Protein backbone atom coordinates (compact mmCIF):
# COMPACT_ATOMS: atom_id res chain seq x y z
CA MET A 1 22.09 -215.11 40.32
CA ILE A 2 23.20 -217.41 42.77
CA ASP A 3 20.44 -217.79 45.78
CA PHE A 4 22.28 -218.27 49.19
CA LYS A 5 18.87 -218.61 51.05
CA THR A 6 19.02 -222.28 49.07
CA ASN A 7 20.04 -224.57 52.28
CA LEU A 8 20.01 -222.11 54.99
CA ARG A 9 18.61 -224.44 57.28
CA LYS A 10 21.35 -226.95 56.92
CA ARG A 11 24.01 -223.57 57.16
CA ILE A 12 22.21 -223.47 60.79
CA ILE A 13 22.37 -226.70 61.87
CA TYR A 14 26.36 -227.18 61.14
CA ILE A 15 26.47 -223.54 63.00
CA ILE A 16 24.55 -224.87 66.21
CA ILE A 17 26.47 -228.38 66.35
CA GLY A 18 29.38 -226.62 65.87
CA ILE A 19 28.80 -223.92 69.60
CA VAL A 20 27.72 -227.36 70.99
CA VAL A 21 30.83 -229.01 70.13
CA SER A 22 33.12 -226.56 70.85
CA TYR A 23 32.05 -226.63 74.15
CA LEU A 24 31.23 -230.13 74.90
CA GLY A 25 33.85 -231.49 72.81
CA VAL A 26 36.05 -230.07 75.43
CA ILE A 27 35.15 -232.42 78.30
CA PRO A 28 36.19 -236.00 76.42
CA LEU A 29 39.28 -234.34 76.17
CA SER A 30 40.10 -233.36 79.60
CA LEU A 31 38.75 -237.09 80.60
CA LEU A 32 41.53 -238.27 78.33
CA PHE A 33 44.14 -236.14 79.92
CA TYR A 34 42.91 -237.14 83.27
CA GLN A 35 43.43 -240.77 82.67
CA LEU A 36 46.64 -240.72 80.98
CA GLN A 37 48.24 -238.22 83.55
CA SER A 38 46.57 -238.29 86.44
CA ARG A 39 46.48 -234.92 86.44
CA GLU A 40 46.20 -231.41 84.40
CA LEU A 41 48.80 -230.33 82.61
CA SER A 42 51.30 -229.04 84.47
CA ASP A 43 51.14 -225.09 83.69
CA PRO A 44 47.96 -223.59 84.04
CA VAL A 45 47.96 -220.64 81.22
CA ALA A 46 49.03 -223.76 78.76
CA THR A 47 45.81 -225.73 79.71
CA TYR A 48 44.30 -223.14 79.50
CA LEU A 49 45.71 -221.85 75.55
CA PHE A 50 45.34 -225.48 75.21
CA TYR A 51 41.66 -225.92 75.86
CA GLU A 52 40.73 -222.54 74.38
CA SER A 53 42.77 -223.33 70.87
CA PHE A 54 40.73 -227.00 70.74
CA ARG A 55 37.54 -224.98 70.91
CA ILE A 56 38.15 -222.40 68.50
CA GLY A 57 39.87 -225.02 65.92
CA ILE A 58 36.29 -227.08 66.16
CA MET A 59 34.15 -223.54 65.59
CA ILE A 60 36.38 -223.07 62.45
CA LEU A 61 35.96 -226.56 60.97
CA PHE A 62 31.85 -226.66 61.48
CA LEU A 63 32.22 -222.27 60.04
CA TYR A 64 33.77 -224.33 57.43
CA PHE A 65 31.41 -226.47 57.06
CA ALA A 66 28.49 -224.72 57.00
CA PHE A 67 29.91 -221.46 54.88
CA VAL A 68 32.02 -223.33 52.49
CA HIS A 69 31.29 -227.14 52.14
CA VAL A 70 27.38 -226.64 52.17
CA LYS A 71 26.68 -225.61 48.53
CA PRO A 72 26.05 -223.17 46.99
CA SER A 73 29.49 -221.86 48.55
CA PHE A 74 29.60 -218.18 49.92
CA ILE A 75 33.46 -218.21 48.21
CA PRO A 76 33.82 -218.48 44.95
CA THR A 77 35.73 -221.91 43.21
């Protein structure tokens, strides 16, 4: 029987870092857009969807690290 409580601290750290980066990671991205275009994307809906998809992607990446990359994995190989 695999004990999934091992490396629980590492999993929690990955999840916390993922939450923080998903909220704060948008700031450098918006500054980059400001420097490149001197304005936001022309369509406010497209801007919102882009930033939200970026945040969701970052969160999914860190959830992958927490649940699959840290051994023992929750997903059997």
